[in-house]
Each structure stands twice: as structure tokens, then as C-alpha cells.
N, C-alpha and C. Protein backbone atom coordinates (compact mmCIF):
# COMPACT_ATOMS: atom_id res chain seq x y z
N MET A 1 20.36 49.96 -8.87
CA MET A 1 20.57 49.89 -7.44
C MET A 1 19.95 51.09 -6.72
N ALA A 2 20.01 52.25 -7.34
CA ALA A 2 19.43 53.45 -6.74
C ALA A 2 17.91 53.32 -6.65
N ALA A 3 17.31 52.69 -7.67
CA ALA A 3 15.85 52.50 -7.64
C ALA A 3 15.46 51.58 -6.49
N LEU A 4 16.27 50.60 -6.21
CA LEU A 4 15.99 49.70 -5.10
C LEU A 4 16.07 50.44 -3.76
N ALA A 5 17.02 51.34 -3.64
CA ALA A 5 17.13 52.13 -2.41
C ALA A 5 15.89 53.00 -2.23
N TRP A 6 15.38 53.59 -3.33
CA TRP A 6 14.19 54.43 -3.23
C TRP A 6 12.95 53.59 -2.90
N LEU A 7 12.92 52.34 -3.28
CA LEU A 7 11.80 51.48 -2.94
C LEU A 7 11.88 51.00 -1.49
N LEU A 8 13.09 50.93 -0.94
CA LEU A 8 13.24 50.48 0.44
C LEU A 8 12.83 51.56 1.45
N ILE A 9 12.92 52.82 1.05
CA ILE A 9 12.56 53.90 1.98
C ILE A 9 11.10 53.80 2.43
N PRO A 10 10.11 53.66 1.53
CA PRO A 10 8.73 53.51 2.01
C PRO A 10 8.51 52.22 2.78
N LEU A 11 9.24 51.17 2.41
CA LEU A 11 9.10 49.90 3.12
C LEU A 11 9.57 50.05 4.57
N VAL A 12 10.71 50.67 4.77
CA VAL A 12 11.22 50.89 6.12
C VAL A 12 10.28 51.81 6.90
N ALA A 13 9.74 52.83 6.24
CA ALA A 13 8.79 53.73 6.90
C ALA A 13 7.52 52.99 7.31
N ALA A 14 7.03 52.10 6.47
CA ALA A 14 5.82 51.34 6.79
C ALA A 14 6.06 50.39 7.96
N VAL A 15 7.22 49.75 7.98
CA VAL A 15 7.54 48.86 9.11
C VAL A 15 7.67 49.67 10.39
N GLY A 16 8.31 50.82 10.32
CA GLY A 16 8.43 51.68 11.50
C GLY A 16 7.08 52.17 11.99
N ALA A 17 6.21 52.56 11.07
CA ALA A 17 4.87 53.02 11.46
C ALA A 17 4.07 51.88 12.08
N SER A 18 4.23 50.70 11.56
CA SER A 18 3.53 49.54 12.11
C SER A 18 4.01 49.24 13.53
N LEU A 19 5.31 49.28 13.74
CA LEU A 19 5.84 49.04 15.08
C LEU A 19 5.38 50.11 16.06
N TRP A 20 5.43 51.38 15.64
CA TRP A 20 5.00 52.45 16.51
C TRP A 20 3.50 52.34 16.83
N GLY A 21 2.69 52.00 15.83
CA GLY A 21 1.25 51.87 16.05
C GLY A 21 0.92 50.75 17.01
N SER A 22 1.61 49.63 16.90
CA SER A 22 1.34 48.54 17.84
C SER A 22 1.80 48.91 19.24
N TRP A 23 2.91 49.64 19.36
CA TRP A 23 3.37 50.07 20.69
C TRP A 23 2.41 51.09 21.29
N ALA A 24 1.94 52.03 20.50
CA ALA A 24 1.01 53.04 21.01
C ALA A 24 -0.31 52.41 21.44
N ASN A 25 -0.79 51.44 20.72
CA ASN A 25 -2.03 50.77 21.06
C ASN A 25 -1.86 49.93 22.32
N ARG A 26 -0.69 49.36 22.52
CA ARG A 26 -0.43 48.54 23.70
C ARG A 26 -0.49 49.40 24.96
N THR A 27 0.11 50.58 24.93
CA THR A 27 0.12 51.42 26.12
C THR A 27 -1.26 52.03 26.38
N ARG A 28 -2.05 52.23 25.35
CA ARG A 28 -3.37 52.81 25.55
C ARG A 28 -4.30 51.82 26.26
N ARG A 29 -4.18 50.55 25.94
CA ARG A 29 -5.02 49.54 26.57
C ARG A 29 -4.70 49.37 28.05
N ALA A 30 -3.49 49.73 28.46
CA ALA A 30 -3.05 49.50 29.83
C ALA A 30 -3.77 50.42 30.82
N ARG A 31 -4.14 51.61 30.37
CA ARG A 31 -4.80 52.53 31.30
C ARG A 31 -6.27 52.68 30.93
N SER A 32 -7.08 52.97 31.91
CA SER A 32 -8.51 53.13 31.65
C SER A 32 -8.87 54.62 31.68
N ASP A 33 -10.09 54.91 31.31
CA ASP A 33 -10.57 56.28 31.31
C ASP A 33 -11.28 56.63 32.61
N GLY A 34 -11.21 55.76 33.60
CA GLY A 34 -11.91 55.98 34.86
C GLY A 34 -11.62 57.30 35.53
N PRO A 35 -10.35 57.64 35.80
CA PRO A 35 -10.06 58.91 36.47
C PRO A 35 -10.53 60.14 35.68
N GLU A 36 -10.38 60.09 34.37
CA GLU A 36 -10.81 61.23 33.56
C GLU A 36 -12.33 61.38 33.61
N LEU A 37 -13.05 60.28 33.55
CA LEU A 37 -14.50 60.35 33.60
C LEU A 37 -14.99 60.77 34.98
N ASP A 38 -14.31 60.34 36.03
CA ASP A 38 -14.68 60.76 37.38
C ASP A 38 -14.48 62.26 37.54
N GLY A 39 -13.38 62.78 37.02
CA GLY A 39 -13.13 64.21 37.09
C GLY A 39 -14.17 65.00 36.31
N TYR A 40 -14.56 64.49 35.15
CA TYR A 40 -15.60 65.17 34.37
C TYR A 40 -16.94 65.16 35.10
N ALA A 41 -17.26 64.06 35.77
CA ALA A 41 -18.50 63.99 36.54
C ALA A 41 -18.48 65.00 37.68
N ARG A 42 -17.34 65.14 38.36
CA ARG A 42 -17.24 66.14 39.44
C ARG A 42 -17.38 67.55 38.88
N PHE A 43 -16.79 67.80 37.70
CA PHE A 43 -16.90 69.10 37.07
C PHE A 43 -18.34 69.43 36.73
N ARG A 44 -19.06 68.47 36.15
CA ARG A 44 -20.46 68.70 35.80
C ARG A 44 -21.30 68.95 37.04
N ALA A 45 -21.03 68.18 38.11
CA ALA A 45 -21.79 68.38 39.35
C ALA A 45 -21.53 69.77 39.92
N ALA A 46 -20.30 70.23 39.86
CA ALA A 46 -19.98 71.57 40.37
C ALA A 46 -20.65 72.64 39.52
N MET A 47 -20.68 72.45 38.21
CA MET A 47 -21.34 73.44 37.35
C MET A 47 -22.85 73.48 37.60
N GLU A 48 -23.45 72.32 37.80
CA GLU A 48 -24.89 72.28 38.09
C GLU A 48 -25.18 72.94 39.44
N LYS A 49 -24.33 72.69 40.41
CA LYS A 49 -24.53 73.27 41.75
C LYS A 49 -24.38 74.79 41.68
N SER A 50 -23.39 75.30 40.94
CA SER A 50 -23.19 76.74 40.86
C SER A 50 -24.31 77.41 40.08
N ARG A 51 -24.89 76.70 39.11
CA ARG A 51 -25.96 77.30 38.33
C ARG A 51 -27.26 77.37 39.14
N THR A 52 -27.55 76.33 39.91
CA THR A 52 -28.80 76.33 40.69
C THR A 52 -28.64 77.06 42.00
N GLY A 53 -27.41 77.20 42.52
CA GLY A 53 -27.21 77.85 43.81
C GLY A 53 -27.11 79.37 43.71
N GLY A 54 -26.89 79.92 42.51
CA GLY A 54 -26.64 81.34 42.40
C GLY A 54 -27.81 82.06 41.94
């Protein structure tokens, strides 16, 4: 019976990891990278302007 308990521990961990992975992937698909990429584009434009303006 103790051996069965030790075999159930990795099984429960695998099921938990699977549930967490599907939940994490679901929330990632909901948002886009648009705002982050827009901010990076503004940052690059500011760096180019400061390099050529100074």
C-alpha cells in the first residue's frame, strides 16, 4: 500500500502541472504583445533621436 502511495505522488503532480500549464497558456493567449511592442518602438525612436540630435 505504501508503494502505491509513492506512485500516486508523481501522478498527482503531473495532473497538477498539466492543469496549471493549460491555465497559463489560456491567459497568455488572451492578451497581445501590441502595447509592449509599441513601447519598444517609442523607446528605439527616442534613442535614435537622442543619438542623432546630440
